[in-house]
Amino acid sequence: MACIAPVADAGLALMDKVVAGEVPGVTSVEELFAEQGNWAPGRHLTALAAYCHYATLYRTSPEELVVPFPEFKTKPKGAPAEINLGALTPAEDKILQKIAWEMVSKYPYPSVAAGK
C-alpha cells in the first residue's frame, strides 16, 4: 500500500494563513524558511511535514501531540554549520496540527480520506 502525505498542499495552506495574518508571531511567508533566499524549510514547515506524515501513516489527528524536543535544528546541504531554527509556540503548534489534519483527512488520493 502506498500513502501520499499532502505536505505541499499543507504548506500552501499555511502560507495562506500567514498572508491572512492568522499565524501569531509570523508576519511574512519568508519566515517559514530557514534562511532568507534559501528554500530550506524552517521550523514551521518542518513540523507541518512531520504532522502530515504522522496523520497519513497513523490515520489519526496529530492534534494534541507534544513535540518531544525543545527546538528545531537543521544543516542544509553545503552549509558549514548547523542552524538553530528555534522552537514553536503552543499557538503555532496548534495551528500546524490543525492544518495537517485538515489536509490529510480531506485528501482525495490514497490516504485517510480514501479509507485505504
PDB file of N, CA and C in Angstrom:
ATOM      1  N   MET A   1       0.845  -1.178   0.000  1.00  0.00           N
ATOM      2  CA  MET A   1       0.000   0.000   0.000  1.00  0.00           C
ATOM      3  C   MET A   1       0.890   1.240   0.000  1.00  0.00           C
ATOM      4  N   ALA A   2       0.528   2.188  -0.776  1.00  0.00           N
ATOM      5  CA  ALA A   2       1.244   3.468  -0.809  1.00  0.00           C
ATOM      6  C   ALA A   2       0.353   4.550  -0.205  1.00  0.00           C
ATOM      7  N   CYS A   3       0.970   5.412   0.521  1.00  0.00           N
ATOM      8  CA  CYS A   3       0.260   6.551   1.107  1.00  0.00           C
ATOM      9  C   CYS A   3       0.897   7.828   0.599  1.00  0.00           C
ATOM     10  N   ILE A   4       0.090   8.802   0.338  1.00  0.00           N
ATOM     11  CA  ILE A   4       0.589  10.095  -0.106  1.00  0.00           C
ATOM     12  C   ILE A   4       0.256  11.121   0.976  1.00  0.00           C
ATOM     13  N   ALA A   5       1.285  11.747   1.500  1.00  0.00           N
ATOM     14  CA  ALA A   5       1.087  12.785   2.511  1.00  0.00           C
ATOM     15  C   ALA A   5       1.046  14.141   1.799  1.00  0.00           C
ATOM     16  N   PRO A   6      -0.024  14.890   1.949  1.00  0.00           N
ATOM     17  CA  PRO A   6      -0.184  16.157   1.223  1.00  0.00           C
ATOM     18  C   PRO A   6       0.605  17.317   1.844  1.00  0.00           C
ATOM     19  N   VAL A   7       1.911  17.143   1.931  1.00  0.00           N
ATOM     20  CA  VAL A   7       2.760  18.142   2.578  1.00  0.00           C
ATOM     21  C   VAL A   7       2.758  19.466   1.811  1.00  0.00           C
ATOM     22  N   ALA A   8       2.846  19.403   0.490  1.00  0.00           N
ATOM     23  CA  ALA A   8       2.876  20.646  -0.299  1.00  0.00           C
ATOM     24  C   ALA A   8       1.564  21.419  -0.143  1.00  0.00           C
ATOM     25  N   ASP A   9       0.442  20.711  -0.199  1.00  0.00           N
ATOM     26  CA  ASP A   9      -0.857  21.377  -0.020  1.00  0.00           C
ATOM     27  C   ASP A   9      -0.954  22.012   1.366  1.00  0.00           C
ATOM     28  N   ALA A  10      -0.460  21.306   2.372  1.00  0.00           N
ATOM     29  CA  ALA A  10      -0.484  21.847   3.732  1.00  0.00           C
ATOM     30  C   ALA A  10       0.409  23.079   3.844  1.00  0.00           C
ATOM     31  N   GLY A  11       1.570  23.033   3.190  1.00  0.00           N
ATOM     32  CA  GLY A  11       2.465  24.187   3.201  1.00  0.00           C
ATOM     33  C   GLY A  11       1.824  25.406   2.569  1.00  0.00           C
ATOM     34  N   LEU A  12       1.113  25.193   1.470  1.00  0.00           N
ATOM     35  CA  LEU A  12       0.415  26.308   0.817  1.00  0.00           C
ATOM     36  C   LEU A  12      -0.707  26.845   1.707  1.00  0.00           C
ATOM     37  N   ALA A  13      -1.400  25.956   2.400  1.00  0.00           N
ATOM     38  CA  ALA A  13      -2.454  26.399   3.324  1.00  0.00           C
ATOM     39  C   ALA A  13      -1.853  27.228   4.456  1.00  0.00           C
ATOM     40  N   LEU A  14      -0.690  26.814   4.953  1.00  0.00           N
ATOM     41  CA  LEU A  14      -0.008  27.583   5.988  1.00  0.00           C
ATOM     42  C   LEU A  14       0.382  28.957   5.459  1.00  0.00           C
ATOM     43  N   MET A  15       0.909  29.008   4.258  1.00  0.00           N
ATOM     44  CA  MET A  15       1.289  30.295   3.661  1.00  0.00           C
ATOM     45  C   MET A  15       0.083  31.216   3.521  1.00  0.00           C
ATOM     46  N   ASP A  16      -1.063  30.653   3.126  1.00  0.00           N
ATOM     47  CA  ASP A  16      -2.291  31.452   3.034  1.00  0.00           C
ATOM     48  C   ASP A  16      -2.658  32.037   4.399  1.00  0.00           C
ATOM     49  N   LYS A  17      -2.511  31.243   5.454  1.00  0.00           N
ATOM     50  CA  LYS A  17      -2.824  31.724   6.805  1.00  0.00           C
ATOM     51  C   LYS A  17      -1.851  32.823   7.245  1.00  0.00           C
ATOM     52  N   VAL A  18      -0.591  32.687   6.863  1.00  0.00           N
ATOM     53  CA  VAL A  18       0.394  33.725   7.204  1.00  0.00           C
ATOM     54  C   VAL A  18       0.017  35.029   6.517  1.00  0.00           C
ATOM     55  N   VAL A  19      -0.293  34.960   5.224  1.00  0.00           N
ATOM     56  CA  VAL A  19      -0.673  36.159   4.469  1.00  0.00           C
ATOM     57  C   VAL A  19      -1.927  36.793   5.054  1.00  0.00           C
ATOM     58  N   ALA A  20      -2.856  35.974   5.532  1.00  0.00           N
ATOM     59  CA  ALA A  20      -4.100  36.477   6.133  1.00  0.00           C
ATOM     60  C   ALA A  20      -3.891  36.980   7.561  1.00  0.00           C
ATOM     61  N   GLY A  21      -2.674  36.832   8.104  1.00  0.00           N
ATOM     62  CA  GLY A  21      -2.399  37.294   9.464  1.00  0.00           C
ATOM     63  C   GLY A  21      -2.943  36.377  10.544  1.00  0.00           C
ATOM     64  N   GLU A  22      -3.115  35.093  10.229  1.00  0.00           N
ATOM     65  CA  GLU A  22      -3.724  34.152  11.167  1.00  0.00           C
ATOM     66  C   GLU A  22      -2.714  33.276  11.916  1.00  0.00           C
ATOM     67  N   VAL A  23      -1.412  33.560  11.756  1.00  0.00           N
ATOM     68  CA  VAL A  23      -0.388  32.782  12.464  1.00  0.00           C
ATOM     69  C   VAL A  23       0.359  33.745  13.384  1.00  0.00           C
ATOM     70  N   PRO A  24       0.081  33.689  14.681  1.00  0.00           N
ATOM     71  CA  PRO A  24       0.708  34.628  15.608  1.00  0.00           C
ATOM     72  C   PRO A  24       2.233  34.526  15.559  1.00  0.00           C
ATOM     73  N   GLY A  25       2.877  35.681  15.494  1.00  0.00           N
ATOM     74  CA  GLY A  25       4.328  35.722  15.506  1.00  0.00           C
ATOM     75  C   GLY A  25       4.991  35.567  14.151  1.00  0.00           C
ATOM     76  N   VAL A  26       4.225  35.236  13.125  1.00  0.00           N
ATOM     77  CA  VAL A  26       4.784  35.087  11.777  1.00  0.00           C
ATOM     78  C   VAL A  26       4.140  36.159  10.900  1.00  0.00           C
ATOM     79  N   THR A  27       4.951  37.070  10.417  1.00  0.00           N
ATOM     80  CA  THR A  27       4.408  38.200   9.666  1.00  0.00           C
ATOM     81  C   THR A  27       4.605  38.094   8.158  1.00  0.00           C
ATOM     82  N   SER A  28       5.493  37.185   7.707  1.00  0.00           N
ATOM     83  CA  SER A  28       5.682  37.023   6.262  1.00  0.00           C
ATOM     84  C   SER A  28       6.015  35.571   5.939  1.00  0.00           C
ATOM     85  N   VAL A  29       5.705  35.177   4.734  1.00  0.00           N
ATOM     86  CA  VAL A  29       5.964  33.813   4.268  1.00  0.00           C
ATOM     87  C   VAL A  29       7.457  33.502   4.324  1.00  0.00           C
ATOM     88  N   GLU A  30       8.297  34.496   4.126  1.00  0.00           N
ATOM     89  CA  GLU A  30       9.753  34.288   4.163  1.00  0.00           C
ATOM     90  C   GLU A  30      10.210  33.707   5.497  1.00  0.00           C
ATOM     91  N   GLU A  31       9.494  33.989   6.564  1.00  0.00           N
ATOM     92  CA  GLU A  31       9.862  33.491   7.888  1.00  0.00           C
ATOM     93  C   GLU A  31       9.666  31.981   8.027  1.00  0.00           C
ATOM     94  N   LEU A  32       9.015  31.361   7.060  1.00  0.00           N
ATOM     95  CA  LEU A  32       8.788  29.917   7.107  1.00  0.00           C
ATOM     96  C   LEU A  32      10.002  29.126   6.636  1.00  0.00           C
ATOM     97  N   PHE A  33      11.001  29.821   6.117  1.00  0.00           N
ATOM     98  CA  PHE A  33      12.188  29.158   5.584  1.00  0.00           C
ATOM     99  C   PHE A  33      13.382  29.401   6.501  1.00  0.00           C
ATOM    100  N   ALA A  34      14.352  28.477   6.458  1.00  0.00           N
ATOM    101  CA  ALA A  34      15.491  28.508   7.383  1.00  0.00           C
ATOM    102  C   ALA A  34      16.350  29.750   7.218  1.00  0.00           C
ATOM    103  N   GLU A  35      16.585  30.168   5.994  1.00  0.00           N
ATOM    104  CA  GLU A  35      17.426  31.324   5.730  1.00  0.00           C
ATOM    105  C   GLU A  35      16.805  32.137   4.599  1.00  0.00           C
ATOM    106  N   GLN A  36      17.008  33.420   4.640  1.00  0.00           N
ATOM    107  CA  GLN A  36      16.497  34.276   3.585  1.00  0.00           C
ATOM    108  C   GLN A  36      17.173  33.895   2.266  1.00  0.00           C
ATOM    109  N   GLY A  37      16.402  33.755   1.213  1.00  0.00           N
ATOM    110  CA  GLY A  37      16.934  33.399  -0.093  1.00  0.00           C
ATOM    111  C   GLY A  37      17.233  31.918  -0.254  1.00  0.00           C
ATOM    112  N   ASN A  38      16.794  31.102   0.690  1.00  0.00           N
ATOM    113  CA  ASN A  38      17.048  29.669   0.655  1.00  0.00           C
ATOM    114  C   ASN A  38      15.712  28.955   0.846  1.00  0.00           C
ATOM    115  N   TRP A  39      15.466  27.911   0.086  1.00  0.00           N
ATOM    116  CA  TRP A  39      14.195  27.197   0.174  1.00  0.00           C
ATOM    117  C   TRP A  39      14.172  26.130   1.258  1.00  0.00           C
ATOM    118  N   ALA A  40      15.235  26.015   2.069  1.00  0.00           N
ATOM    119  CA  ALA A  40      15.244  25.027   3.147  1.00  0.00           C
ATOM    120  C   ALA A  40      14.122  25.367   4.140  1.00  0.00           C
ATOM    121  N   PRO A  41      13.295  24.376   4.496  1.00  0.00           N
ATOM    122  CA  PRO A  41      12.175  24.665   5.401  1.00  0.00           C
ATOM    123  C   PRO A  41      12.637  25.042   6.795  1.00  0.00           C
ATOM    124  N   GLY A  42      11.933  25.988   7.368  1.00  0.00           N
ATOM    125  CA  GLY A  42      12.174  26.379   8.752  1.00  0.00           C
ATOM    126  C   GLY A  42      11.377  25.498   9.690  1.00  0.00           C
ATOM    127  N   ARG A  43      11.278  25.905  10.942  1.00  0.00           N
ATOM    128  CA  ARG A  43      10.628  25.070  11.956  1.00  0.00           C
ATOM    129  C   ARG A  43       9.149  24.830  11.680  1.00  0.00           C
ATOM    130  N   HIS A  44       8.458  25.822  11.150  1.00  0.00           N
ATOM    131  CA  HIS A  44       7.025  25.658  10.890  1.00  0.00           C
ATOM    132  C   HIS A  44       6.773  24.617   9.806  1.00  0.00           C
ATOM    133  N   LEU A  45       7.487  24.735   8.694  1.00  0.00           N
ATOM    134  CA  LEU A  45       7.293  23.787   7.594  1.00  0.00           C
ATOM    135  C   LEU A  45       7.807  22.393   7.958  1.00  0.00           C
ATOM    136  N   THR A  46       8.873  22.332   8.735  1.00  0.00           N
ATOM    137  CA  THR A  46       9.400  21.036   9.169  1.00  0.00           C
ATOM    138  C   THR A  46       8.391  20.319  10.054  1.00  0.00           C
ATOM    139  N   ALA A  47       7.837  21.032  11.014  1.00  0.00           N
ATOM    140  CA  ALA A  47       6.841  20.436  11.911  1.00  0.00           C
ATOM    141  C   ALA A  47       5.576  20.068  11.139  1.00  0.00           C
ATOM    142  N   LEU A  48       5.151  20.929  10.234  1.00  0.00           N
ATOM    143  CA  LEU A  48       3.952  20.659   9.443  1.00  0.00           C
ATOM    144  C   LEU A  48       4.120  19.387   8.622  1.00  0.00           C
ATOM    145  N   ALA A  49       5.272  19.210   8.007  1.00  0.00           N
ATOM    146  CA  ALA A  49       5.535  17.987   7.228  1.00  0.00           C
ATOM    147  C   ALA A  49       5.482  16.762   8.131  1.00  0.00           C
ATOM    148  N   ALA A  50       6.070  16.870   9.311  1.00  0.00           N
ATOM    149  CA  ALA A  50       6.047  15.744  10.251  1.00  0.00           C
ATOM    150  C   ALA A  50       4.616  15.412  10.666  1.00  0.00           C
ATOM    151  N   TYR A  51       3.821  16.424  10.946  1.00  0.00           N
ATOM    152  CA  TYR A  51       2.432  16.184  11.327  1.00  0.00           C
ATOM    153  C   TYR A  51       1.621  15.569  10.182  1.00  0.00           C
ATOM    154  N   CYS A  52       1.888  15.992   8.958  1.00  0.00           N
ATOM    155  CA  CYS A  52       1.194  15.400   7.801  1.00  0.00           C
ATOM    156  C   CYS A  52       1.552  13.922   7.660  1.00  0.00           C
ATOM    157  N   HIS A  53       2.821  13.608   7.827  1.00  0.00           N
ATOM    158  CA  HIS A  53       3.238  12.207   7.735  1.00  0.00           C
ATOM    159  C   HIS A  53       2.635  11.383   8.877  1.00  0.00           C
ATOM    160  N   TYR A  54       2.625  11.924  10.067  1.00  0.00           N
ATOM    161  CA  TYR A  54       2.019  11.235  11.207  1.00  0.00           C
ATOM    162  C   TYR A  54       0.541  10.933  10.910  1.00  0.00           C
ATOM    163  N   ALA A  55      -0.185  11.959  10.489  1.00  0.00           N
ATOM    164  CA  ALA A  55      -1.620  11.791  10.228  1.00  0.00           C
ATOM    165  C   ALA A  55      -1.872  10.779   9.113  1.00  0.00           C
ATOM    166  N   THR A  56      -1.025  10.792   8.083  1.00  0.00           N
ATOM    167  CA  THR A  56      -1.186   9.862   6.971  1.00  0.00           C
ATOM    168  C   THR A  56      -0.882   8.430   7.401  1.00  0.00           C
ATOM    169  N   LEU A  57       0.218   8.233   8.097  1.00  0.00           N
ATOM    170  CA  LEU A  57       0.625   6.883   8.478  1.00  0.00           C
ATOM    171  C   LEU A  57      -0.251   6.274   9.563  1.00  0.00           C
ATOM    172  N   TYR A  58      -0.647   7.084  10.557  1.00  0.00           N
ATOM    173  CA  TYR A  58      -1.425   6.562  11.677  1.00  0.00           C
ATOM    174  C   TYR A  58      -2.928   6.782  11.529  1.00  0.00           C
ATOM    175  N   ARG A  59      -3.321   7.517  10.485  1.00  0.00           N
ATOM    176  CA  ARG A  59      -4.741   7.773  10.197  1.00  0.00           C
ATOM    177  C   ARG A  59      -5.483   8.357  11.390  1.00  0.00           C
ATOM    178  N   THR A  60      -4.803   9.281  12.032  1.00  0.00           N
ATOM    179  CA  THR A  60      -5.397   9.956  13.182  1.00  0.00           C
ATOM    180  C   THR A  60      -4.856  11.374  13.243  1.00  0.00           C
ATOM    181  N   SER A  61      -5.571  12.233  13.902  1.00  0.00           N
ATOM    182  CA  SER A  61      -5.177  13.630  14.006  1.00  0.00           C
ATOM    183  C   SER A  61      -3.916  13.791  14.856  1.00  0.00           C
ATOM    184  N   PRO A  62      -3.008  14.657  14.432  1.00  0.00           N
ATOM    185  CA  PRO A  62      -1.836  14.943  15.248  1.00  0.00           C
ATOM    186  C   PRO A  62      -2.132  15.987  16.325  1.00  0.00           C
ATOM    187  N   GLU A  63      -3.380  16.469  16.346  1.00  0.00           N
ATOM    188  CA  GLU A  63      -3.734  17.493  17.328  1.00  0.00           C
ATOM    189  C   GLU A  63      -3.537  16.943  18.735  1.00  0.00           C
ATOM    190  N   GLU A  64      -2.963  17.759  19.577  1.00  0.00           N
ATOM    191  CA  GLU A  64      -2.654  17.446  20.968  1.00  0.00           C
ATOM    192  C   GLU A  64      -1.354  16.647  21.138  1.00  0.00           C
ATOM    193  N   LEU A  65      -0.649  16.338  20.038  1.00  0.00           N
ATOM    194  CA  LEU A  65       0.676  15.726  20.197  1.00  0.00           C
ATOM    195  C   LEU A  65       1.615  16.751  20.807  1.00  0.00           C
ATOM    196  N   VAL A  66       2.588  16.299  21.540  1.00  0.00           N
ATOM    197  CA  VAL A  66       3.574  17.178  22.138  1.00  0.00           C
ATOM    198  C   VAL A  66       4.907  16.931  21.449  1.00  0.00           C
ATOM    199  N   VAL A  67       5.519  17.991  20.929  1.00  0.00           N
ATOM    200  CA  VAL A  67       6.817  17.862  20.279  1.00  0.00           C
ATOM    201  C   VAL A  67       7.828  17.454  21.349  1.00  0.00           C
ATOM    202  N   PRO A  68       8.551  16.341  21.126  1.00  0.00           N
ATOM    203  CA  PRO A  68       9.431  15.823  22.171  1.00  0.00           C
ATOM    204  C   PRO A  68      10.810  16.477  22.270  1.00  0.00           C
ATOM    205  N   PHE A  69      10.983  17.617  21.636  1.00  0.00           N
ATOM    206  CA  PHE A  69      12.269  18.314  21.712  1.00  0.00           C
ATOM    207  C   PHE A  69      12.007  19.809  21.764  1.00  0.00           C
ATOM    208  N   PRO A  70      12.906  20.576  22.399  1.00  0.00           N
ATOM    209  CA  PRO A  70      12.643  21.992  22.636  1.00  0.00           C
ATOM    210  C   PRO A  70      12.777  22.888  21.410  1.00  0.00           C
ATOM    211  N   GLU A  71      13.642  22.547  20.474  1.00  0.00           N
ATOM    212  CA  GLU A  71      13.808  23.414  19.313  1.00  0.00           C
ATOM    213  C   GLU A  71      14.225  22.614  18.090  1.00  0.00           C
ATOM    214  N   PHE A  72      14.006  23.209  16.939  1.00  0.00           N
ATOM    215  CA  PHE A  72      14.331  22.572  15.670  1.00  0.00           C
ATOM    216  C   PHE A  72      15.719  23.007  15.216  1.00  0.00           C
ATOM    217  N   LYS A  73      16.460  22.067  14.645  1.00  0.00           N
ATOM    218  CA  LYS A  73      17.784  22.365  14.101  1.00  0.00           C
ATOM    219  C   LYS A  73      17.891  21.717  12.730  1.00  0.00           C
ATOM    220  N   THR A  74      18.728  22.298  11.866  1.00  0.00           N
ATOM    221  CA  THR A  74      18.934  21.737  10.532  1.00  0.00           C
ATOM    222  C   THR A  74      20.349  22.048  10.067  1.00  0.00           C
ATOM    223  N   LYS A  75      20.800  21.273   9.118  1.00  0.00           N
ATOM    224  CA  LYS A  75      22.085  21.547   8.487  1.00  0.00           C
ATOM    225  C   LYS A  75      21.879  21.335   6.995  1.00  0.00           C
ATOM    226  N   PRO A  76      21.476  22.405   6.276  1.00  0.00           N
ATOM    227  CA  PRO A  76      21.256  22.279   4.844  1.00  0.00           C
ATOM    228  C   PRO A  76      22.515  21.802   4.125  1.00  0.00           C
ATOM    229  N   LYS A  77      22.307  21.094   3.040  1.00  0.00           N
ATOM    230  CA  LYS A  77      23.420  20.584   2.243  1.00  0.00           C
ATOM    231  C   LYS A  77      24.367  21.723   1.882  1.00  0.00           C
ATOM    232  N   GLY A  78      25.648  21.518   2.145  1.00  0.00           N
ATOM    233  CA  GLY A  78      26.654  22.520   1.830  1.00  0.00           C
ATOM    234  C   GLY A  78      26.847  23.583   2.891  1.00  0.00           C
ATOM    235  N   ALA A  79      25.978  23.605   3.888  1.00  0.00           N
ATOM    236  CA  ALA A  79      26.115  24.610   4.955  1.00  0.00           C
ATOM    237  C   ALA A  79      27.287  24.226   5.852  1.00  0.00           C
ATOM    238  N   PRO A  80      28.063  25.203   6.285  1.00  0.00           N
ATOM    239  CA  PRO A  80      29.216  24.894   7.122  1.00  0.00           C
ATOM    240  C   PRO A  80      28.857  24.460   8.543  1.00  0.00           C
ATOM    241  N   ALA A  81      27.690  24.851   9.012  1.00  0.00           N
ATOM    242  CA  ALA A  81      27.316  24.532  10.393  1.00  0.00           C
ATOM    243  C   ALA A  81      25.811  24.342  10.520  1.00  0.00           C
ATOM    244  N   GLU A  82      25.428  23.750  11.620  1.00  0.00           N
ATOM    245  CA  GLU A  82      24.024  23.537  11.924  1.00  0.00           C
ATOM    246  C   GLU A  82      23.343  24.878  12.192  1.00  0.00           C
ATOM    247  N   ILE A  83      22.084  24.987  11.802  1.00  0.00           N
ATOM    248  CA  ILE A  83      21.302  26.202  12.026  1.00  0.00           C
ATOM    249  C   ILE A  83      20.238  25.889  13.068  1.00  0.00           C
ATOM    250  N   ASN A  84      20.147  26.710  14.097  1.00  0.00           N
ATOM    251  CA  ASN A  84      19.107  26.567  15.102  1.00  0.00           C
ATOM    252  C   ASN A  84      17.875  27.310  14.599  1.00  0.00           C
ATOM    253  N   LEU A  85      16.787  26.580  14.379  1.00  0.00           N
ATOM    254  CA  LEU A  85      15.562  27.176  13.848  1.00  0.00           C
ATOM    255  C   LEU A  85      14.632  27.697  14.937  1.00  0.00           C
ATOM    256  N   GLY A  86      14.939  27.410  16.177  1.00  0.00           N
ATOM    257  CA  GLY A  86      14.103  27.876  17.274  1.00  0.00           C
ATOM    258  C   GLY A  86      12.997  26.892  17.617  1.00  0.00           C
ATOM    259  N   ALA A  87      12.126  27.302  18.492  1.00  0.00           N
ATOM    260  CA  ALA A  87      11.037  26.464  18.982  1.00  0.00           C
ATOM    261  C   ALA A  87       9.693  27.005  18.510  1.00  0.00           C
ATOM    262  N   LEU A  88       8.716  26.135  18.514  1.00  0.00           N
ATOM    263  CA  LEU A  88       7.348  26.547  18.196  1.00  0.00           C
ATOM    264  C   LEU A  88       6.651  26.993  19.475  1.00  0.00           C
ATOM    265  N   THR A  89       5.802  27.987  19.346  1.00  0.00           N
ATOM    266  CA  THR A  89       4.965  28.352  20.477  1.00  0.00           C
ATOM    267  C   THR A  89       3.781  27.381  20.499  1.00  0.00           C
ATOM    268  N   PRO A  90       3.110  27.235  21.628  1.00  0.00           N
ATOM    269  CA  PRO A  90       1.932  26.371  21.666  1.00  0.00           C
ATOM    270  C   PRO A  90       0.865  26.787  20.630  1.00  0.00           C
ATOM    271  N   ALA A  91       0.708  28.086  20.413  1.00  0.00           N
ATOM    272  CA  ALA A  91      -0.285  28.557  19.433  1.00  0.00           C
ATOM    273  C   ALA A  91       0.118  28.150  18.017  1.00  0.00           C
ATOM    274  N   GLU A  92       1.397  28.293  17.682  1.00  0.00           N
ATOM    275  CA  GLU A  92       1.868  27.892  16.351  1.00  0.00           C
ATOM    276  C   GLU A  92       1.693  26.395  16.164  1.00  0.00           C
ATOM    277  N   ASP A  93       2.060  25.625  17.175  1.00  0.00           N
ATOM    278  CA  ASP A  93       1.958  24.172  17.112  1.00  0.00           C
ATOM    279  C   ASP A  93       0.516  23.737  16.866  1.00  0.00           C
ATOM    280  N   LYS A  94      -0.410  24.363  17.561  1.00  0.00           N
ATOM    281  CA  LYS A  94      -1.830  24.023  17.413  1.00  0.00           C
ATOM    282  C   LYS A  94      -2.314  24.295  15.985  1.00  0.00           C
ATOM    283  N   ILE A  95      -1.898  25.414  15.419  1.00  0.00           N
ATOM    284  CA  ILE A  95      -2.284  25.766  14.048  1.00  0.00           C
ATOM    285  C   ILE A  95      -1.724  24.737  13.061  1.00  0.00           C
ATOM    286  N   LEU A  96      -0.470  24.368  13.229  1.00  0.00           N
ATOM    287  CA  LEU A  96       0.162  23.401  12.322  1.00  0.00           C
ATOM    288  C   LEU A  96      -0.515  22.039  12.405  1.00  0.00           C
ATOM    289  N   GLN A  97      -0.833  21.606  13.601  1.00  0.00           N
ATOM    290  CA  GLN A  97      -1.511  20.321  13.772  1.00  0.00           C
ATOM    291  C   GLN A  97      -2.887  20.335  13.107  1.00  0.00           C
ATOM    292  N   LYS A  98      -3.592  21.435  13.259  1.00  0.00           N
ATOM    293  CA  LYS A  98      -4.923  21.556  12.660  1.00  0.00           C
ATOM    294  C   LYS A  98      -4.847  21.550  11.135  1.00  0.00           C
ATOM    295  N   ILE A  99      -3.904  22.309  10.570  1.00  0.00           N
ATOM    296  CA  ILE A  99      -3.736  22.335   9.111  1.00  0.00           C
ATOM    297  C   ILE A  99      -3.405  20.931   8.598  1.00  0.00           C
ATOM    298  N   ALA A 100      -2.485  20.247   9.275  1.00  0.00           N
ATOM    299  CA  ALA A 100      -2.089  18.906   8.842  1.00  0.00           C
ATOM    300  C   ALA A 100      -3.293  17.970   8.796  1.00  0.00           C
ATOM    301  N   TRP A 101      -4.090  17.957   9.842  1.00  0.00           N
ATOM    302  CA  TRP A 101      -5.237  17.054   9.876  1.00  0.00           C
ATOM    303  C   TRP A 101      -6.289  17.445   8.845  1.00  0.00           C
ATOM    304  N   GLU A 102      -6.532  18.736   8.673  1.00  0.00           N
ATOM    305  CA  GLU A 102      -7.491  19.180   7.663  1.00  0.00           C
ATOM    306  C   GLU A 102      -7.059  18.714   6.272  1.00  0.00           C
ATOM    307  N   MET A 103      -5.789  18.850   5.960  1.00  0.00           N
ATOM    308  CA  MET A 103      -5.292  18.456   4.642  1.00  0.00           C
ATOM    309  C   MET A 103      -5.339  16.943   4.462  1.00  0.00           C
ATOM    310  N   VAL A 104      -4.847  16.207   5.426  1.00  0.00           N
ATOM    311  CA  VAL A 104      -4.769  14.751   5.301  1.00  0.00           C
ATOM    312  C   VAL A 104      -6.154  14.118   5.311  1.00  0.00           C
ATOM    313  N   SER A 105      -7.024  14.556   6.192  1.00  0.00           N
ATOM    314  CA  SER A 105      -8.344  13.926   6.311  1.00  0.00           C
ATOM    315  C   SER A 105      -9.240  14.188   5.110  1.00  0.00           C
ATOM    316  N   LYS A 106      -8.914  15.191   4.313  1.00  0.00           N
ATOM    317  CA  LYS A 106      -9.733  15.509   3.135  1.00  0.00           C
ATOM    318  C   LYS A 106      -9.020  15.203   1.822  1.00  0.00           C
ATOM    319  N   TYR A 107      -7.809  14.661   1.896  1.00  0.00           N
ATOM    320  CA  TYR A 107      -7.016  14.419   0.687  1.00  0.00           C
ATOM    321  C   TYR A 107      -7.651  13.299  -0.128  1.00  0.00           C
ATOM    322  N   PRO A 108      -7.938  13.529  -1.416  1.00  0.00           N
ATOM    323  CA  PRO A 108      -8.679  12.556  -2.207  1.00  0.00           C
ATOM    324  C   PRO A 108      -7.875  11.364  -2.737  1.00  0.00           C
ATOM    325  N   TYR A 109      -6.568  11.391  -2.590  1.00  0.00           N
ATOM    326  CA  TYR A 109      -5.749  10.294  -3.099  1.00  0.00           C
ATOM    327  C   TYR A 109      -5.498   9.278  -2.007  1.00  0.00           C
ATOM    328  N   PRO A 110      -4.875   8.159  -2.290  1.00  0.00           N
ATOM    329  CA  PRO A 110      -4.729   7.099  -1.278  1.00  0.00           C
ATOM    330  C   PRO A 110      -4.167   7.619   0.044  1.00  0.00           C
ATOM    331  N   SER A 111      -5.030   7.740   0.990  1.00  0.00           N
ATOM    332  CA  SER A 111      -4.642   8.202   2.324  1.00  0.00           C
ATOM    333  C   SER A 111      -5.822   7.981   3.259  1.00  0.00           C
ATOM    334  N   VAL A 112      -5.954   8.833   4.251  1.00  0.00           N
ATOM    335  CA  VAL A 112      -7.001   8.697   5.247  1.00  0.00           C
ATOM    336  C   VAL A 112      -8.394   8.865   4.641  1.00  0.00           C
ATOM    337  N   ALA A 113      -8.572   9.893   3.806  1.00  0.00           N
ATOM    338  CA  ALA A 113      -9.893  10.189   3.242  1.00  0.00           C
ATOM    339  C   ALA A 113     -10.408   9.048   2.371  1.00  0.00           C
ATOM    340  N   ALA A 114      -9.499   8.365   1.692  1.00  0.00           N
ATOM    341  CA  ALA A 114      -9.894   7.269   0.804  1.00  0.00           C
ATOM    342  C   ALA A 114     -10.198   5.989   1.576  1.00  0.00           C
ATOM    343  N   GLY A 115      -9.852   5.998   2.865  1.00  0.00           N
ATOM    344  CA  GLY A 115     -10.128   4.820   3.685  1.00  0.00           C
ATOM    345  C   GLY A 115      -9.240   3.639   3.360  1.00  0.00           C
ATOM    346  N   LYS A 116      -8.126   3.907   2.754  1.00  0.00           N
ATOM    347  CA  LYS A 116      -7.206   2.815   2.345  1.00  0.00           C
ATOM    348  C   LYS A 116      -6.243   2.490   3.445  1.00  0.00           C
TER     349      LYS A 116
END
